[in-house]
Each structure stands twice: as structure tokens, then as C-alpha cells.
Amino acid sequence: QVQLVESGGGLVQAGGSRRLSCAASGLTSERKFATYALAWFRQAPTKEPEFVAGISWNGDTTQYVDAVKGRFTISRDNDKNVMYLQMNRLTPEDTAVYLCNAGLSIETINLGERFASWGQGTQVTVFS
């Protein structure tokens, strides 16, 4: 099974920026990072993870939840097996544990058909 590890979270003042990373391991020649769609989710206390952004296998297609459009940018580096989330103009409402996952497409990831179990995520806390 693919393992995904999130990093880059921390304490950020409102209006600031942060870049998160999602690194993949457990890959084989049949399970290449470059064949997966990827997505970021975030989870607030006592709530289920919610979709934040997704990116297709080649990076040509991206999707964002309305709350982050224009502020967050998702990207990937298939040579390094890493996905990123650049977060700008952060607000306290962005405070959450950020998680990543993989699947056949952005749509199937969002429908729950994911290739990896949820990891520990990376905590982002935005203070005003």
C-alpha cells in the first residue's frame, strides 16, 4: 500500500503563508507516483476530513474548494514523489490538521476511493 507523509505545518499569523508537503513511499514499478491523482484534505476537531484541493496525475487539472480558491495552490513533482500545497493569506478558519491522499482521479478520491490510509497529517494553526 502507498504511504503518504505530510509535513510543513506550524503556527502562522493571519495573513501569512505556509507550504505543506506530502511525500510518498511504498511505491513499486506497478504503482508509480506519477500515475496517481492526489488531493489535500483538512480536518478540524470532531469533524470528518474535508476536501481542500486536488491535482491530476500530470498536474494539468486542479480543483479547489471555494473557501481556498485564489489563496491556495496545489502542485506536484513527480520526479521527487512529492505534492505541495502553497497556502497564502491564511485565516484562523484555515486552522486544521492537513492530510493528503491518492487515487485514480480527483473525483474518486473525493468519493472515498483512496489508495492510502489516513496518516497523522500536519497541524496548521493560524492566529490573529
Foldseek 3Di string as FASTA:
>chain_A
DKDKDKDWADEAEAQAKTKMKIAIDPADPVRALLQKKKFKWWDDPPGDTDTAKIAHSNRPDMDGDPVQPPFWDWDDDSVRRMIMIIGGRDDQVPWTFMWMFIDNHPVVVNVPHTDDDTDPGHTHGYHD
